[in-house]
């Protein structure tokens, strides 16, 4: 399985990092989460993408990053429920290329119910 991530990049440039690199999005609205990502910031990004397109893809590598991603989905659900929007999350595995190395990531597909 290939990913939407065709270029080399680092998960360190993920949501919740500092500066203009805080949110890195790709054509399929892929949000990458790291261990250092703030779940509330990721949740805001998820909610924004859901409002705009109805679907968001969240990727994480490792237990810490996946923990932050799951928290973010739960927080985004509460943000959106205030607007009458309900979301569901479908987890899967995806292979991504990072620095020319294949890694297995968790892919959370978040969609309107």
PDB file of N, CA and C in Angstrom:
ATOM      1  N   UNK A   1       0.841  -1.164   0.000  1.00  0.00           N
ATOM      2  CA  UNK A   1       0.000   0.000   0.000  1.00  0.00           C
ATOM      3  C   UNK A   1       0.892   1.234   0.000  1.00  0.00           C
ATOM      4  N   UNK A   2       0.570   2.206  -0.825  1.00  0.00           N
ATOM      5  CA  UNK A   2       1.346   3.437  -0.857  1.00  0.00           C
ATOM      6  C   UNK A   2       0.563   4.546  -0.194  1.00  0.00           C
ATOM      7  N   UNK A   3       1.260   5.591   0.185  1.00  0.00           N
ATOM      8  CA  UNK A   3       0.615   6.697   0.881  1.00  0.00           C
ATOM      9  C   UNK A   3       0.444   7.889  -0.037  1.00  0.00           C
ATOM     10  N   UNK A   4      -0.259   8.889   0.455  1.00  0.00           N
ATOM     11  CA  UNK A   4      -0.388  10.153  -0.246  1.00  0.00           C
ATOM     12  C   UNK A   4       0.890  10.961  -0.100  1.00  0.00           C
ATOM     13  N   UNK A   5       1.816  10.461   0.656  1.00  0.00           N
ATOM     14  CA  UNK A   5       3.042  11.174   0.981  1.00  0.00           C
ATOM     15  C   UNK A   5       4.145  10.674   0.064  1.00  0.00           C
ATOM     16  N   UNK A   6       4.364  11.365  -1.049  1.00  0.00           N
ATOM     17  CA  UNK A   6       5.344  10.874  -2.008  1.00  0.00           C
ATOM     18  C   UNK A   6       6.724  11.472  -1.788  1.00  0.00           C
ATOM     19  N   UNK A   7       6.816  12.564  -1.029  1.00  0.00           N
ATOM     20  CA  UNK A   7       8.114  13.172  -0.795  1.00  0.00           C
ATOM     21  C   UNK A   7       8.610  12.845   0.604  1.00  0.00           C
ATOM     22  N   UNK A   8       9.893  13.014   0.814  1.00  0.00           N
ATOM     23  CA  UNK A   8      10.470  12.765   2.129  1.00  0.00           C
ATOM     24  C   UNK A   8      10.114  13.902   3.065  1.00  0.00           C
ATOM     25  N   UNK A   9       9.702  13.545   4.247  1.00  0.00           N
ATOM     26  CA  UNK A   9       9.360  14.552   5.240  1.00  0.00           C
ATOM     27  C   UNK A   9       9.548  13.943   6.612  1.00  0.00           C
ATOM     28  N   UNK A  10       9.444  14.747   7.602  1.00  0.00           N
ATOM     29  CA  UNK A  10       9.601  14.278   8.964  1.00  0.00           C
ATOM     30  C   UNK A  10       8.331  14.524   9.739  1.00  0.00           C
ATOM     31  N   UNK A  11       7.952  13.576  10.561  1.00  0.00           N
ATOM     32  CA  UNK A  11       6.771  13.735  11.394  1.00  0.00           C
ATOM     33  C   UNK A  11       6.989  14.865  12.393  1.00  0.00           C
ATOM     34  N   UNK A  12       8.233  15.270  12.616  1.00  0.00           N
ATOM     35  CA  UNK A  12       8.490  16.379  13.532  1.00  0.00           C
ATOM     36  C   UNK A  12       7.794  17.655  13.064  1.00  0.00           C
ATOM     37  N   UNK A  13       7.588  17.827  11.754  1.00  0.00           N
ATOM     38  CA  UNK A  13       6.841  18.973  11.234  1.00  0.00           C
ATOM     39  C   UNK A  13       5.381  18.583  11.212  1.00  0.00           C
ATOM     40  N   UNK A  14       4.795  18.501  12.365  1.00  0.00           N
ATOM     41  CA  UNK A  14       3.421  18.044  12.471  1.00  0.00           C
ATOM     42  C   UNK A  14       2.578  19.069  13.204  1.00  0.00           C
ATOM     43  N   UNK A  15       1.330  18.772  13.323  1.00  0.00           N
ATOM     44  CA  UNK A  15       0.413  19.669  14.009  1.00  0.00           C
ATOM     45  C   UNK A  15       0.846  19.813  15.450  1.00  0.00           C
ATOM     46  N   UNK A  16       0.788  21.023  15.919  1.00  0.00           N
ATOM     47  CA  UNK A  16       1.161  21.288  17.293  1.00  0.00           C
ATOM     48  C   UNK A  16       2.610  21.718  17.431  1.00  0.00           C
ATOM     49  N   UNK A  17       3.372  21.628  16.353  1.00  0.00           N
ATOM     50  CA  UNK A  17       4.732  22.150  16.387  1.00  0.00           C
ATOM     51  C   UNK A  17       4.636  23.669  16.361  1.00  0.00           C
ATOM     52  N   UNK A  18       5.732  24.336  16.452  1.00  0.00           N
ATOM     53  CA  UNK A  18       5.674  25.797  16.525  1.00  0.00           C
ATOM     54  C   UNK A  18       5.768  26.429  15.143  1.00  0.00           C
ATOM     55  N   UNK A  19       5.323  27.681  15.061  1.00  0.00           N
ATOM     56  CA  UNK A  19       5.494  28.480  13.859  1.00  0.00           C
ATOM     57  C   UNK A  19       4.551  28.126  12.739  1.00  0.00           C
ATOM     58  N   UNK A  20       4.907  28.575  11.530  1.00  0.00           N
ATOM     59  CA  UNK A  20       4.067  28.391  10.355  1.00  0.00           C
ATOM     60  C   UNK A  20       3.966  26.932   9.941  1.00  0.00           C
ATOM     61  N   UNK A  21       4.874  26.098  10.421  1.00  0.00           N
ATOM     62  CA  UNK A  21       4.845  24.680  10.080  1.00  0.00           C
ATOM     63  C   UNK A  21       3.850  23.910  10.942  1.00  0.00           C
ATOM     64  N   UNK A  22       3.093  24.580  11.781  1.00  0.00           N
ATOM     65  CA  UNK A  22       2.239  23.906  12.761  1.00  0.00           C
ATOM     66  C   UNK A  22       1.280  22.917  12.124  1.00  0.00           C
ATOM     67  N   UNK A  23       0.693  23.246  11.000  1.00  0.00           N
ATOM     68  CA  UNK A  23      -0.221  22.325  10.335  1.00  0.00           C
ATOM     69  C   UNK A  23       0.304  22.068   8.941  1.00  0.00           C
ATOM     70  N   UNK A  24       0.570  20.813   8.645  1.00  0.00           N
ATOM     71  CA  UNK A  24       1.035  20.442   7.322  1.00  0.00           C
ATOM     72  C   UNK A  24      -0.081  19.651   6.664  1.00  0.00           C
ATOM     73  N   UNK A  25      -0.633  20.179   5.581  1.00  0.00           N
ATOM     74  CA  UNK A  25      -1.741  19.531   4.890  1.00  0.00           C
ATOM     75  C   UNK A  25      -1.317  19.197   3.477  1.00  0.00           C
ATOM     76  N   UNK A  26      -1.878  18.135   2.951  1.00  0.00           N
ATOM     77  CA  UNK A  26      -1.600  17.711   1.587  1.00  0.00           C
ATOM     78  C   UNK A  26      -2.908  17.731   0.820  1.00  0.00           C
ATOM     79  N   UNK A  27      -2.869  17.397  -0.448  1.00  0.00           N
ATOM     80  CA  UNK A  27      -4.033  17.503  -1.308  1.00  0.00           C
ATOM     81  C   UNK A  27      -5.232  16.725  -0.770  1.00  0.00           C
ATOM     82  N   UNK A  28      -5.018  15.637  -0.075  1.00  0.00           N
ATOM     83  CA  UNK A  28      -6.120  14.850   0.462  1.00  0.00           C
ATOM     84  C   UNK A  28      -6.433  15.272   1.894  1.00  0.00           C
ATOM     85  N   UNK A  29      -6.010  16.461   2.290  1.00  0.00           N
ATOM     86  CA  UNK A  29      -6.231  16.966   3.644  1.00  0.00           C
ATOM     87  C   UNK A  29      -5.692  15.984   4.692  1.00  0.00           C
ATOM     88  N   UNK A  30      -4.416  15.632   4.571  1.00  0.00           N
ATOM     89  CA  UNK A  30      -3.757  14.750   5.522  1.00  0.00           C
ATOM     90  C   UNK A  30      -3.165  15.596   6.642  1.00  0.00           C
ATOM     91  N   UNK A  31      -3.560  15.294   7.866  1.00  0.00           N
ATOM     92  CA  UNK A  31      -3.031  15.976   9.044  1.00  0.00           C
ATOM     93  C   UNK A  31      -2.101  15.007   9.750  1.00  0.00           C
ATOM     94  N   UNK A  32      -0.845  15.397   9.930  1.00  0.00           N
ATOM     95  CA  UNK A  32       0.127  14.514  10.567  1.00  0.00           C
ATOM     96  C   UNK A  32       0.323  14.933  12.016  1.00  0.00           C
ATOM     97  N   UNK A  33       0.288  13.957  12.891  1.00  0.00           N
ATOM     98  CA  UNK A  33       0.353  14.210  14.328  1.00  0.00           C
ATOM     99  C   UNK A  33       1.627  13.591  14.888  1.00  0.00           C
ATOM    100  N   UNK A  34       2.295  14.324  15.773  1.00  0.00           N
ATOM    101  CA  UNK A  34       3.483  13.802  16.449  1.00  0.00           C
ATOM    102  C   UNK A  34       3.193  13.662  17.940  1.00  0.00           C
ATOM    103  N   UNK A  35       4.128  13.093  18.648  1.00  0.00           N
ATOM    104  CA  UNK A  35       4.005  12.950  20.099  1.00  0.00           C
ATOM    105  C   UNK A  35       3.891  14.307  20.775  1.00  0.00           C
ATOM    106  N   UNK A  36       4.532  15.321  20.193  1.00  0.00           N
ATOM    107  CA  UNK A  36       4.515  16.663  20.775  1.00  0.00           C
ATOM    108  C   UNK A  36       3.314  17.504  20.357  1.00  0.00           C
ATOM    109  N   UNK A  37       2.458  16.973  19.498  1.00  0.00           N
ATOM    110  CA  UNK A  37       1.282  17.717  19.038  1.00  0.00           C
ATOM    111  C   UNK A  37       0.320  17.963  20.191  1.00  0.00           C
ATOM    112  N   UNK A  38      -0.264  19.156  20.208  1.00  0.00           N
ATOM    113  CA  UNK A  38      -1.273  19.474  21.211  1.00  0.00           C
ATOM    114  C   UNK A  38      -2.625  18.981  20.696  1.00  0.00           C
ATOM    115  N   UNK A  39      -3.277  18.084  21.416  1.00  0.00           N
ATOM    116  CA  UNK A  39      -4.552  17.533  20.944  1.00  0.00           C
ATOM    117  C   UNK A  39      -5.599  18.606  20.622  1.00  0.00           C
ATOM    118  N   UNK A  40      -5.652  19.685  21.384  1.00  0.00           N
ATOM    119  CA  UNK A  40      -6.645  20.725  21.101  1.00  0.00           C
ATOM    120  C   UNK A  40      -6.357  21.433  19.773  1.00  0.00           C
ATOM    121  N   UNK A  41      -5.083  21.623  19.446  1.00  0.00           N
ATOM    122  CA  UNK A  41      -4.720  22.234  18.164  1.00  0.00           C
ATOM    123  C   UNK A  41      -5.058  21.302  17.005  1.00  0.00           C
ATOM    124  N   UNK A  42      -4.767  20.024  17.176  1.00  0.00           N
ATOM    125  CA  UNK A  42      -5.097  19.034  16.150  1.00  0.00           C
ATOM    126  C   UNK A  42      -6.618  18.957  15.983  1.00  0.00           C
ATOM    127  N   UNK A  43      -7.343  18.992  17.104  1.00  0.00           N
ATOM    128  CA  UNK A  43      -8.806  18.928  17.067  1.00  0.00           C
ATOM    129  C   UNK A  43      -9.379  20.107  16.289  1.00  0.00           C
ATOM    130  N   UNK A  44      -8.815  21.285  16.490  1.00  0.00           N
ATOM    131  CA  UNK A  44      -9.268  22.452  15.744  1.00  0.00           C
ATOM    132  C   UNK A  44      -9.038  22.288  14.255  1.00  0.00           C
ATOM    133  N   UNK A  45      -7.891  21.724  13.896  1.00  0.00           N
ATOM    134  CA  UNK A  45      -7.588  21.480  12.482  1.00  0.00           C
ATOM    135  C   UNK A  45      -8.551  20.446  11.895  1.00  0.00           C
ATOM    136  N   UNK A  46      -8.801  19.367  12.643  1.00  0.00           N
ATOM    137  CA  UNK A  46      -9.743  18.341  12.182  1.00  0.00           C
ATOM    138  C   UNK A  46     -11.120  18.958  11.977  1.00  0.00           C
ATOM    139  N   UNK A  47     -11.592  19.714  12.956  1.00  0.00           N
ATOM    140  CA  UNK A  47     -12.919  20.329  12.871  1.00  0.00           C
ATOM    141  C   UNK A  47     -13.006  21.259  11.658  1.00  0.00           C
ATOM    142  N   UNK A  48     -11.961  22.032  11.417  1.00  0.00           N
ATOM    143  CA  UNK A  48     -11.955  22.930  10.268  1.00  0.00           C
ATOM    144  C   UNK A  48     -12.034  22.193   8.945  1.00  0.00           C
ATOM    145  N   UNK A  49     -11.278  21.118   8.824  1.00  0.00           N
ATOM    146  CA  UNK A  49     -11.292  20.332   7.590  1.00  0.00           C
ATOM    147  C   UNK A  49     -12.651  19.657   7.415  1.00  0.00           C
ATOM    148  N   UNK A  50     -13.216  19.148   8.490  1.00  0.00           N
ATOM    149  CA  UNK A  50     -14.539  18.507   8.412  1.00  0.00           C
ATOM    150  C   UNK A  50     -15.582  19.532   7.968  1.00  0.00           C
ATOM    151  N   UNK A  51     -15.536  20.728   8.522  1.00  0.00           N
ATOM    152  CA  UNK A  51     -16.482  21.780   8.118  1.00  0.00           C
ATOM    153  C   UNK A  51     -16.333  22.097   6.628  1.00  0.00           C
ATOM    154  N   UNK A  52     -15.084  22.141   6.141  1.00  0.00           N
ATOM    155  CA  UNK A  52     -14.818  22.505   4.747  1.00  0.00           C
ATOM    156  C   UNK A  52     -15.142  21.392   3.760  1.00  0.00           C
ATOM    157  N   UNK A  53     -14.686  20.175   4.068  1.00  0.00           N
ATOM    158  CA  UNK A  53     -14.797  19.107   3.069  1.00  0.00           C
ATOM    159  C   UNK A  53     -15.543  17.866   3.543  1.00  0.00           C
ATOM    160  N   UNK A  54     -15.878  17.797   4.824  1.00  0.00           N
ATOM    161  CA  UNK A  54     -16.627  16.640   5.319  1.00  0.00           C
ATOM    162  C   UNK A  54     -15.775  15.426   5.632  1.00  0.00           C
ATOM    163  N   UNK A  55     -14.477  15.490   5.357  1.00  0.00           N
ATOM    164  CA  UNK A  55     -13.601  14.346   5.583  1.00  0.00           C
ATOM    165  C   UNK A  55     -12.182  14.819   5.876  1.00  0.00           C
ATOM    166  N   UNK A  56     -11.512  14.162   6.824  1.00  0.00           N
ATOM    167  CA  UNK A  56     -10.115  14.469   7.133  1.00  0.00           C
ATOM    168  C   UNK A  56      -9.364  13.161   7.347  1.00  0.00           C
ATOM    169  N   UNK A  57      -8.108  13.153   6.980  1.00  0.00           N
ATOM    170  CA  UNK A  57      -7.244  12.005   7.232  1.00  0.00           C
ATOM    171  C   UNK A  57      -6.176  12.428   8.224  1.00  0.00           C
ATOM    172  N   UNK A  58      -6.042  11.663   9.299  1.00  0.00           N
ATOM    173  CA  UNK A  58      -5.054  11.942  10.341  1.00  0.00           C
ATOM    174  C   UNK A  58      -4.057  10.796  10.336  1.00  0.00           C
ATOM    175  N   UNK A  59      -2.766  11.107  10.290  1.00  0.00           N
ATOM    176  CA  UNK A  59      -1.734  10.072  10.300  1.00  0.00           C
ATOM    177  C   UNK A  59      -0.838  10.246  11.510  1.00  0.00           C
ATOM    178  N   UNK A  60      -0.440   9.115  12.095  1.00  0.00           N
ATOM    179  CA  UNK A  60       0.481   9.130  13.229  1.00  0.00           C
ATOM    180  C   UNK A  60       1.380   7.907  13.157  1.00  0.00           C
ATOM    181  N   UNK A  61       2.575   8.058  13.686  1.00  0.00           N
ATOM    182  CA  UNK A  61       3.514   6.936  13.759  1.00  0.00           C
ATOM    183  C   UNK A  61       3.956   6.814  15.202  1.00  0.00           C
ATOM    184  N   UNK A  62       3.732   5.661  15.794  1.00  0.00           N
ATOM    185  CA  UNK A  62       4.143   5.403  17.166  1.00  0.00           C
ATOM    186  C   UNK A  62       3.018   5.601  18.164  1.00  0.00           C
ATOM    187  N   UNK A  63       3.223   5.024  19.338  1.00  0.00           N
ATOM    188  CA  UNK A  63       2.188   5.031  20.374  1.00  0.00           C
ATOM    189  C   UNK A  63       1.864   6.437  20.870  1.00  0.00           C
ATOM    190  N   UNK A  64       2.879   7.255  21.115  1.00  0.00           N
ATOM    191  CA  UNK A  64       2.648   8.604  21.624  1.00  0.00           C
ATOM    192  C   UNK A  64       1.874   9.467  20.646  1.00  0.00           C
ATOM    193  N   UNK A  65       2.256   9.407  19.391  1.00  0.00           N
ATOM    194  CA  UNK A  65       1.577  10.192  18.362  1.00  0.00           C
ATOM    195  C   UNK A  65       0.148   9.699  18.160  1.00  0.00           C
ATOM    196  N   UNK A  66      -0.035   8.398  18.193  1.00  0.00           N
ATOM    197  CA  UNK A  66      -1.380   7.835  18.029  1.00  0.00           C
ATOM    198  C   UNK A  66      -2.266   8.217  19.204  1.00  0.00           C
ATOM    199  N   UNK A  67      -1.713   8.240  20.400  1.00  0.00           N
ATOM    200  CA  UNK A  67      -2.453   8.684  21.578  1.00  0.00           C
ATOM    201  C   UNK A  67      -2.939  10.124  21.383  1.00  0.00           C
ATOM    202  N   UNK A  68      -2.058  11.005  20.931  1.00  0.00           N
ATOM    203  CA  UNK A  68      -2.436  12.402  20.712  1.00  0.00           C
ATOM    204  C   UNK A  68      -3.501  12.514  19.617  1.00  0.00           C
ATOM    205  N   UNK A  69      -3.383  11.706  18.582  1.00  0.00           N
ATOM    206  CA  UNK A  69      -4.346  11.736  17.477  1.00  0.00           C
ATOM    207  C   UNK A  69      -5.737  11.302  17.937  1.00  0.00           C
ATOM    208  N   UNK A  70      -5.799  10.238  18.732  1.00  0.00           N
ATOM    209  CA  UNK A  70      -7.092   9.753  19.218  1.00  0.00           C
ATOM    210  C   UNK A  70      -7.736  10.791  20.138  1.00  0.00           C
ATOM    211  N   UNK A  71      -6.942  11.390  21.010  1.00  0.00           N
ATOM    212  CA  UNK A  71      -7.472  12.451  21.868  1.00  0.00           C
ATOM    213  C   UNK A  71      -8.026  13.584  21.014  1.00  0.00           C
ATOM    214  N   UNK A  72      -7.304  13.938  19.970  1.00  0.00           N
ATOM    215  CA  UNK A  72      -7.730  15.034  19.101  1.00  0.00           C
ATOM    216  C   UNK A  72      -9.065  14.733  18.420  1.00  0.00           C
ATOM    217  N   UNK A  73      -9.255  13.497  17.984  1.00  0.00           N
ATOM    218  CA  UNK A  73     -10.524  13.126  17.345  1.00  0.00           C
ATOM    219  C   UNK A  73     -11.662  13.262  18.349  1.00  0.00           C
ATOM    220  N   UNK A  74     -11.442  12.823  19.580  1.00  0.00           N
ATOM    221  CA  UNK A  74     -12.478  12.937  20.614  1.00  0.00           C
ATOM    222  C   UNK A  74     -12.808  14.407  20.894  1.00  0.00           C
ATOM    223  N   UNK A  75     -11.781  15.245  20.960  1.00  0.00           N
ATOM    224  CA  UNK A  75     -12.009  16.675  21.205  1.00  0.00           C
ATOM    225  C   UNK A  75     -12.727  17.302  20.010  1.00  0.00           C
ATOM    226  N   UNK A  76     -12.313  16.961  18.791  1.00  0.00           N
ATOM    227  CA  UNK A  76     -12.957  17.492  17.589  1.00  0.00           C
ATOM    228  C   UNK A  76     -14.431  17.093  17.564  1.00  0.00           C
ATOM    229  N   UNK A  77     -14.715  15.902  18.009  1.00  0.00           N
ATOM    230  CA  UNK A  77     -16.115  15.445  18.036  1.00  0.00           C
ATOM    231  C   UNK A  77     -16.946  16.338  18.946  1.00  0.00           C
ATOM    232  N   UNK A  78     -16.386  16.715  20.088  1.00  0.00           N
ATOM    233  CA  UNK A  78     -17.135  17.598  20.988  1.00  0.00           C
ATOM    234  C   UNK A  78     -17.257  19.002  20.399  1.00  0.00           C
ATOM    235  N   UNK A  79     -16.203  19.509  19.726  1.00  0.00           N
ATOM    236  CA  UNK A  79     -16.287  20.812  19.068  1.00  0.00           C
ATOM    237  C   UNK A  79     -17.420  20.822  18.048  1.00  0.00           C
ATOM    238  N   UNK A  80     -17.455  19.786  17.214  1.00  0.00           N
ATOM    239  CA  UNK A  80     -18.418  19.736  16.123  1.00  0.00           C
ATOM    240  C   UNK A  80     -19.839  19.427  16.592  1.00  0.00           C
ATOM    241  N   UNK A  81     -19.960  18.690  17.685  1.00  0.00           N
ATOM    242  CA  UNK A  81     -21.301  18.354  18.182  1.00  0.00           C
ATOM    243  C   UNK A  81     -22.064  19.603  18.600  1.00  0.00           C
ATOM    244  N   UNK A  82     -21.341  20.640  19.029  1.00  0.00           N
ATOM    245  CA  UNK A  82     -21.980  21.910  19.385  1.00  0.00           C
ATOM    246  C   UNK A  82     -22.639  22.560  18.171  1.00  0.00           C
ATOM    247  N   UNK A  83     -22.210  22.164  16.970  1.00  0.00           N
ATOM    248  CA  UNK A  83     -22.766  22.698  15.725  1.00  0.00           C
ATOM    249  C   UNK A  83     -23.721  21.709  15.070  1.00  0.00           C
ATOM    250  N   UNK A  84     -24.026  20.619  15.762  1.00  0.00           N
ATOM    251  CA  UNK A  84     -24.923  19.606  15.212  1.00  0.00           C
ATOM    252  C   UNK A  84     -24.272  18.680  14.206  1.00  0.00           C
ATOM    253  N   UNK A  85     -22.946  18.621  14.198  1.00  0.00           N
ATOM    254  CA  UNK A  85     -22.208  17.742  13.282  1.00  0.00           C
ATOM    255  C   UNK A  85     -21.680  16.555  14.075  1.00  0.00           C
ATOM    256  N   UNK A  86     -21.984  15.336  13.618  1.00  0.00           N
ATOM    257  CA  UNK A  86     -21.472  14.126  14.253  1.00  0.00           C
ATOM    258  C   UNK A  86     -20.425  13.511  13.335  1.00  0.00           C
ATOM    259  N   UNK A  87     -19.330  13.038  13.911  1.00  0.00           N
ATOM    260  CA  UNK A  87     -18.270  12.432  13.105  1.00  0.00           C
ATOM    261  C   UNK A  87     -18.000  11.004  13.566  1.00  0.00           C
ATOM    262  N   UNK A  88     -17.431  10.232  12.657  1.00  0.00           N
ATOM    263  CA  UNK A  88     -16.981   8.867  12.960  1.00  0.00           C
ATOM    264  C   UNK A  88     -15.526   8.762  12.521  1.00  0.00           C
ATOM    265  N   UNK A  89     -14.818   7.808  13.110  1.00  0.00           N
ATOM    266  CA  UNK A  89     -13.400   7.614  12.834  1.00  0.00           C
ATOM    267  C   UNK A  89     -13.165   6.155  12.460  1.00  0.00           C
ATOM    268  N   UNK A  90     -12.523   5.941  11.322  1.00  0.00           N
ATOM    269  CA  UNK A  90     -12.187   4.591  10.866  1.00  0.00           C
ATOM    270  C   UNK A  90     -10.672   4.438  10.851  1.00  0.00           C
ATOM    271  N   UNK A  91     -10.128   3.595  11.735  1.00  0.00           N
ATOM    272  CA  UNK A  91      -8.668   3.411  11.772  1.00  0.00           C
ATOM    273  C   UNK A  91      -8.196   2.357  10.770  1.00  0.00           C
ATOM    274  N   UNK A  92      -6.983   2.552  10.264  1.00  0.00           N
ATOM    275  CA  UNK A  92      -6.355   1.553   9.395  1.00  0.00           C
ATOM    276  C   UNK A  92      -4.848   1.778   9.426  1.00  0.00           C
ATOM    277  N   UNK A  93      -4.114   0.866   8.813  1.00  0.00           N
ATOM    278  CA  UNK A  93      -2.673   1.009   8.676  1.00  0.00           C
ATOM    279  C   UNK A  93      -2.373   1.573   7.296  1.00  0.00           C
ATOM    280  N   UNK A  94      -1.275   2.320   7.193  1.00  0.00           N
ATOM    281  CA  UNK A  94      -0.827   2.855   5.913  1.00  0.00           C
ATOM    282  C   UNK A  94       0.699   2.890   5.937  1.00  0.00           C
ATOM    283  N   UNK A  95       1.308   2.593   4.802  1.00  0.00           N
ATOM    284  CA  UNK A  95       2.766   2.689   4.681  1.00  0.00           C
ATOM    285  C   UNK A  95       3.108   4.069   4.166  1.00  0.00           C
ATOM    286  N   UNK A  96       4.033   4.742   4.844  1.00  0.00           N
ATOM    287  CA  UNK A  96       4.467   6.072   4.430  1.00  0.00           C
ATOM    288  C   UNK A  96       5.977   6.083   4.253  1.00  0.00           C
ATOM    289  N   UNK A  97       6.455   6.959   3.382  1.00  0.00           N
ATOM    290  CA  UNK A  97       7.897   7.112   3.161  1.00  0.00           C
ATOM    291  C   UNK A  97       8.377   8.326   3.947  1.00  0.00           C
ATOM    292  N   UNK A  98       9.315   8.098   4.851  1.00  0.00           N
ATOM    293  CA  UNK A  98       9.916   9.181   5.626  1.00  0.00           C
ATOM    294  C   UNK A  98      11.419   9.071   5.472  1.00  0.00           C
ATOM    295  N   UNK A  99      12.013  10.132   4.943  1.00  0.00           N
ATOM    296  CA  UNK A  99      13.453  10.133   4.679  1.00  0.00           C
ATOM    297  C   UNK A  99      13.868   8.886   3.911  1.00  0.00           C
ATOM    298  N   UNK A 100      13.110   8.592   2.854  1.00  0.00           N
ATOM    299  CA  UNK A 100      13.368   7.461   1.960  1.00  0.00           C
ATOM    300  C   UNK A 100      13.288   6.110   2.656  1.00  0.00           C
ATOM    301  N   UNK A 101      12.594   6.044   3.777  1.00  0.00           N
ATOM    302  CA  UNK A 101      12.416   4.795   4.511  1.00  0.00           C
ATOM    303  C   UNK A 101      10.922   4.540   4.681  1.00  0.00           C
ATOM    304  N   UNK A 102      10.491   3.306   4.447  1.00  0.00           N
ATOM    305  CA  UNK A 102       9.082   2.953   4.611  1.00  0.00           C
ATOM    306  C   UNK A 102       8.772   2.725   6.083  1.00  0.00           C
ATOM    307  N   UNK A 103       7.714   3.368   6.563  1.00  0.00           N
ATOM    308  CA  UNK A 103       7.257   3.205   7.944  1.00  0.00           C
ATOM    309  C   UNK A 103       5.773   2.889   7.912  1.00  0.00           C
ATOM    310  N   UNK A 104       5.299   2.177   8.907  1.00  0.00           N
ATOM    311  CA  UNK A 104       3.873   1.904   9.026  1.00  0.00           C
ATOM    312  C   UNK A 104       3.262   2.926   9.964  1.00  0.00           C
ATOM    313  N   UNK A 105       2.226   3.580   9.482  1.00  0.00           N
ATOM    314  CA  UNK A 105       1.537   4.604  10.264  1.00  0.00           C
ATOM    315  C   UNK A 105       0.107   4.150  10.537  1.00  0.00           C
ATOM    316  N   UNK A 106      -0.502   4.795  11.511  1.00  0.00           N
ATOM    317  CA  UNK A 106      -1.928   4.627  11.759  1.00  0.00           C
ATOM    318  C   UNK A 106      -2.631   5.723  10.973  1.00  0.00           C
ATOM    319  N   UNK A 107      -3.645   5.349  10.238  1.00  0.00           N
ATOM    320  CA  UNK A 107      -4.442   6.305   9.464  1.00  0.00           C
ATOM    321  C   UNK A 107      -5.829   6.340  10.078  1.00  0.00           C
ATOM    322  N   UNK A 108      -6.249   7.520  10.499  1.00  0.00           N
ATOM    323  CA  UNK A 108      -7.595   7.703  11.035  1.00  0.00           C
ATOM    324  C   UNK A 108      -8.382   8.507  10.010  1.00  0.00           C
ATOM    325  N   UNK A 109      -9.369   7.873   9.387  1.00  0.00           N
ATOM    326  CA  UNK A 109     -10.230   8.557   8.455  1.00  0.00           C
ATOM    327  C   UNK A 109     -11.418   9.097   9.243  1.00  0.00           C
ATOM    328  N   UNK A 110     -11.543  10.404   9.307  1.00  0.00           N
ATOM    329  CA  UNK A 110     -12.589  11.054  10.088  1.00  0.00           C
ATOM    330  C   UNK A 110     -13.589  11.635   9.099  1.00  0.00           C
ATOM    331  N   UNK A 111     -14.868  11.238   9.247  1.00  0.00           N
ATOM    332  CA  UNK A 111     -15.908  11.656   8.324  1.00  0.00           C
ATOM    333  C   UNK A 111     -17.175  12.051   9.078  1.00  0.00           C
ATOM    334  N   UNK A 112     -17.995  12.873   8.403  1.00  0.00           N
ATOM    335  CA  UNK A 112     -19.326  13.157   8.948  1.00  0.00           C
ATOM    336  C   UNK A 112     -20.133  11.874   8.947  1.00  0.00           C
ATOM    337  N   UNK A 113     -20.948  11.717   9.975  1.00  0.00           N
ATOM    338  CA  UNK A 113     -21.814  10.531  10.043  1.00  0.00           C
ATOM    339  C   UNK A 113     -23.034  10.778   9.201  1.00  0.00           C
TER     340      UNK A 113
END
